[in-house]
Amino acid sequence: MTDALRTPKMTEAEIDELRALREGYHVTDAFLVRLATHFVQAEVDGVLNPARHLADHLGVQRQTVLTYMRMARRRGFVAKNRP
């Protein structure tokens, strides 16, 4: 398996944008939309664990990213998982 399948294809500018949108304690819709976009794209690209990679970029725990993704689904920014 190549490294491309292990890490999301994100530029430093995209990472910086996510960090900037996450500033403060309030989780904004703009942050959730951008995070969900990167998460879903990473899944499409075959990244094995997008939550871990995004957590590393944001300086949070993997579970926090999964919580953000649940929030994004609840707000309708991502389609809910289907069996």
N, C-alpha and C. Protein backbone atom coordinates (compact mmCIF):
# COMPACT_ATOMS: atom_id res chain seq x y z
N MET A 1 0.85 -1.17 0.00
CA MET A 1 0.00 0.00 0.00
C MET A 1 0.90 1.24 0.00
N THR A 2 0.53 2.21 -0.79
CA THR A 2 1.36 3.41 -0.89
C THR A 2 1.04 4.40 0.22
N ASP A 3 1.96 5.33 0.43
CA ASP A 3 1.75 6.39 1.42
C ASP A 3 0.55 7.25 1.08
N ALA A 4 0.25 7.37 -0.21
CA ALA A 4 -0.89 8.20 -0.66
C ALA A 4 -2.19 7.68 -0.07
N LEU A 5 -2.26 6.38 0.20
CA LEU A 5 -3.48 5.82 0.76
C LEU A 5 -3.53 5.95 2.28
N ARG A 6 -2.47 6.43 2.84
CA ARG A 6 -2.41 6.52 4.30
C ARG A 6 -2.60 7.93 4.83
N THR A 7 -2.38 8.94 4.02
CA THR A 7 -2.51 10.32 4.49
C THR A 7 -3.41 11.11 3.55
N PRO A 8 -4.23 11.99 4.11
CA PRO A 8 -5.10 12.81 3.25
C PRO A 8 -4.27 13.76 2.39
N LYS A 9 -4.81 14.07 1.23
CA LYS A 9 -4.16 15.02 0.33
C LYS A 9 -4.62 16.42 0.69
N MET A 10 -3.96 17.01 1.68
CA MET A 10 -4.31 18.35 2.14
C MET A 10 -3.09 19.24 2.05
N THR A 11 -3.31 20.45 1.60
CA THR A 11 -2.22 21.42 1.54
C THR A 11 -2.06 22.09 2.90
N GLU A 12 -0.93 22.73 3.09
CA GLU A 12 -0.72 23.49 4.33
C GLU A 12 -1.77 24.59 4.48
N ALA A 13 -2.16 25.20 3.36
CA ALA A 13 -3.18 26.25 3.40
C ALA A 13 -4.52 25.70 3.88
N GLU A 14 -4.88 24.50 3.44
CA GLU A 14 -6.13 23.88 3.88
C GLU A 14 -6.08 23.53 5.37
N ILE A 15 -4.94 23.05 5.82
CA ILE A 15 -4.77 22.74 7.24
C ILE A 15 -4.87 24.01 8.06
N ASP A 16 -4.20 25.06 7.61
CA ASP A 16 -4.26 26.35 8.31
C ASP A 16 -5.69 26.89 8.36
N GLU A 17 -6.43 26.73 7.26
CA GLU A 17 -7.82 27.20 7.21
C GLU A 17 -8.66 26.45 8.25
N LEU A 18 -8.49 25.14 8.34
CA LEU A 18 -9.23 24.36 9.33
C LEU A 18 -8.90 24.83 10.74
N ARG A 19 -7.62 25.03 11.00
CA ARG A 19 -7.21 25.48 12.33
C ARG A 19 -7.81 26.85 12.66
N ALA A 20 -7.82 27.73 11.69
CA ALA A 20 -8.37 29.08 11.90
C ALA A 20 -9.87 29.02 12.15
N LEU A 21 -10.57 28.16 11.42
CA LEU A 21 -12.02 28.04 11.60
C LEU A 21 -12.37 27.42 12.95
N ARG A 22 -11.44 26.68 13.53
CA ARG A 22 -11.68 26.01 14.81
C ARG A 22 -11.36 26.91 16.00
N GLU A 23 -10.83 28.08 15.79
CA GLU A 23 -10.47 28.99 16.88
C GLU A 23 -11.65 29.20 17.81
N GLY A 24 -11.40 29.16 19.08
CA GLY A 24 -12.45 29.39 20.07
C GLY A 24 -13.15 28.11 20.46
N TYR A 25 -14.16 28.26 21.32
CA TYR A 25 -14.86 27.09 21.85
C TYR A 25 -16.12 26.74 21.08
N HIS A 26 -16.63 27.67 20.33
CA HIS A 26 -17.85 27.43 19.57
C HIS A 26 -17.50 26.73 18.25
N VAL A 27 -18.18 25.62 17.99
CA VAL A 27 -17.96 24.88 16.74
C VAL A 27 -18.89 25.47 15.69
N THR A 28 -18.30 26.11 14.69
CA THR A 28 -19.11 26.79 13.67
C THR A 28 -19.51 25.85 12.54
N ASP A 29 -20.56 26.22 11.85
CA ASP A 29 -20.97 25.46 10.68
C ASP A 29 -19.87 25.46 9.62
N ALA A 30 -19.20 26.60 9.45
CA ALA A 30 -18.14 26.70 8.44
C ALA A 30 -17.03 25.68 8.73
N PHE A 31 -16.66 25.54 10.00
CA PHE A 31 -15.64 24.56 10.37
C PHE A 31 -16.12 23.15 10.07
N LEU A 32 -17.34 22.83 10.46
CA LEU A 32 -17.87 21.48 10.24
C LEU A 32 -17.95 21.14 8.75
N VAL A 33 -18.36 22.10 7.95
CA VAL A 33 -18.46 21.86 6.50
C VAL A 33 -17.08 21.55 5.93
N ARG A 34 -16.07 22.37 6.28
CA ARG A 34 -14.72 22.15 5.74
C ARG A 34 -14.12 20.84 6.25
N LEU A 35 -14.31 20.55 7.54
CA LEU A 35 -13.80 19.30 8.10
C LEU A 35 -14.44 18.10 7.42
N ALA A 36 -15.76 18.15 7.28
CA ALA A 36 -16.48 17.04 6.64
C ALA A 36 -16.04 16.86 5.19
N THR A 37 -15.81 17.96 4.51
CA THR A 37 -15.35 17.88 3.12
C THR A 37 -14.01 17.15 3.04
N HIS A 38 -13.08 17.52 3.90
CA HIS A 38 -11.77 16.86 3.91
C HIS A 38 -11.87 15.41 4.35
N PHE A 39 -12.72 15.13 5.33
CA PHE A 39 -12.88 13.77 5.84
C PHE A 39 -13.43 12.86 4.75
N VAL A 40 -14.51 13.28 4.12
CA VAL A 40 -15.15 12.47 3.08
C VAL A 40 -14.20 12.29 1.89
N GLN A 41 -13.50 13.34 1.50
CA GLN A 41 -12.56 13.23 0.38
C GLN A 41 -11.44 12.24 0.73
N ALA A 42 -10.98 12.27 1.96
CA ALA A 42 -9.95 11.32 2.39
C ALA A 42 -10.47 9.89 2.29
N GLU A 43 -11.72 9.67 2.70
CA GLU A 43 -12.31 8.34 2.58
C GLU A 43 -12.39 7.91 1.12
N VAL A 44 -12.82 8.82 0.26
CA VAL A 44 -12.92 8.52 -1.17
C VAL A 44 -11.54 8.17 -1.74
N ASP A 45 -10.52 8.88 -1.26
CA ASP A 45 -9.15 8.64 -1.73
C ASP A 45 -8.54 7.37 -1.15
N GLY A 46 -9.25 6.71 -0.22
CA GLY A 46 -8.76 5.46 0.33
C GLY A 46 -7.89 5.60 1.57
N VAL A 47 -7.94 6.76 2.22
CA VAL A 47 -7.17 6.95 3.45
C VAL A 47 -7.74 6.00 4.50
N LEU A 48 -6.86 5.27 5.17
CA LEU A 48 -7.28 4.24 6.10
C LEU A 48 -7.93 4.78 7.37
N ASN A 49 -7.44 5.90 7.89
CA ASN A 49 -7.98 6.44 9.14
C ASN A 49 -7.99 7.96 9.08
N PRO A 50 -8.93 8.54 8.34
CA PRO A 50 -8.95 10.00 8.19
C PRO A 50 -9.11 10.74 9.51
N ALA A 51 -9.84 10.17 10.46
CA ALA A 51 -10.04 10.85 11.75
C ALA A 51 -8.71 11.05 12.46
N ARG A 52 -7.84 10.06 12.41
CA ARG A 52 -6.54 10.19 13.08
C ARG A 52 -5.70 11.27 12.44
N HIS A 53 -5.68 11.30 11.13
CA HIS A 53 -4.87 12.30 10.42
C HIS A 53 -5.39 13.71 10.67
N LEU A 54 -6.69 13.89 10.60
CA LEU A 54 -7.26 15.21 10.83
C LEU A 54 -7.04 15.63 12.29
N ALA A 55 -7.13 14.69 13.20
CA ALA A 55 -6.87 14.99 14.62
C ALA A 55 -5.43 15.47 14.80
N ASP A 56 -4.50 14.81 14.13
CA ASP A 56 -3.09 15.23 14.21
C ASP A 56 -2.92 16.65 13.70
N HIS A 57 -3.57 16.96 12.59
CA HIS A 57 -3.46 18.31 12.01
C HIS A 57 -4.07 19.38 12.92
N LEU A 58 -5.14 19.01 13.61
CA LEU A 58 -5.85 19.99 14.45
C LEU A 58 -5.35 20.02 15.89
N GLY A 59 -4.55 19.04 16.26
CA GLY A 59 -4.05 18.99 17.63
C GLY A 59 -5.11 18.56 18.63
N VAL A 60 -6.00 17.66 18.20
CA VAL A 60 -7.04 17.13 19.07
C VAL A 60 -6.98 15.60 19.03
N GLN A 61 -7.81 14.97 19.84
CA GLN A 61 -7.88 13.52 19.82
C GLN A 61 -8.74 13.03 18.67
N ARG A 62 -8.50 11.80 18.24
CA ARG A 62 -9.26 11.20 17.15
C ARG A 62 -10.76 11.22 17.47
N GLN A 63 -11.11 10.93 18.70
CA GLN A 63 -12.52 10.90 19.10
C GLN A 63 -13.17 12.27 18.91
N THR A 64 -12.42 13.33 19.08
CA THR A 64 -12.95 14.68 18.88
C THR A 64 -13.35 14.88 17.43
N VAL A 65 -12.52 14.41 16.51
CA VAL A 65 -12.86 14.52 15.08
C VAL A 65 -14.12 13.71 14.78
N LEU A 66 -14.23 12.54 15.36
CA LEU A 66 -15.44 11.73 15.15
C LEU A 66 -16.68 12.43 15.71
N THR A 67 -16.51 13.12 16.83
CA THR A 67 -17.62 13.91 17.38
C THR A 67 -18.00 15.04 16.44
N TYR A 68 -17.00 15.72 15.89
CA TYR A 68 -17.28 16.77 14.90
C TYR A 68 -18.04 16.21 13.70
N MET A 69 -17.64 15.02 13.26
CA MET A 69 -18.33 14.41 12.12
C MET A 69 -19.78 14.06 12.46
N ARG A 70 -20.03 13.60 13.68
CA ARG A 70 -21.42 13.36 14.10
C ARG A 70 -22.22 14.65 14.08
N MET A 71 -21.59 15.73 14.55
CA MET A 71 -22.25 17.03 14.54
C MET A 71 -22.57 17.45 13.10
N ALA A 72 -21.62 17.23 12.20
CA ALA A 72 -21.83 17.59 10.79
C ALA A 72 -22.98 16.78 10.19
N ARG A 73 -23.06 15.50 10.53
CA ARG A 73 -24.17 14.67 10.03
C ARG A 73 -25.50 15.16 10.58
N ARG A 74 -25.53 15.45 11.87
CA ARG A 74 -26.78 15.92 12.49
C ARG A 74 -27.26 17.24 11.89
N ARG A 75 -26.32 18.07 11.51
CA ARG A 75 -26.68 19.37 10.91
C ARG A 75 -26.94 19.26 9.41
N GLY A 76 -26.81 18.06 8.87
CA GLY A 76 -27.13 17.83 7.47
C GLY A 76 -26.02 18.16 6.48
N PHE A 77 -24.78 18.30 6.95
CA PHE A 77 -23.66 18.64 6.08
C PHE A 77 -23.07 17.40 5.41
N VAL A 78 -23.39 16.22 5.95
CA VAL A 78 -22.88 14.95 5.42
C VAL A 78 -24.03 13.97 5.45
N ALA A 79 -24.12 13.14 4.42
CA ALA A 79 -25.15 12.11 4.42
C ALA A 79 -24.87 11.11 5.54
N LYS A 80 -25.92 10.65 6.18
CA LYS A 80 -25.74 9.67 7.24
C LYS A 80 -25.27 8.35 6.66
N ASN A 81 -24.48 7.63 7.46
CA ASN A 81 -23.98 6.33 7.01
C ASN A 81 -25.14 5.39 6.76
N ARG A 82 -24.98 4.59 5.71
CA ARG A 82 -26.00 3.58 5.41
C ARG A 82 -25.37 2.20 5.56
N PRO A 83 -26.15 1.24 6.04
CA PRO A 83 -25.60 -0.13 6.20
C PRO A 83 -25.28 -0.77 4.88
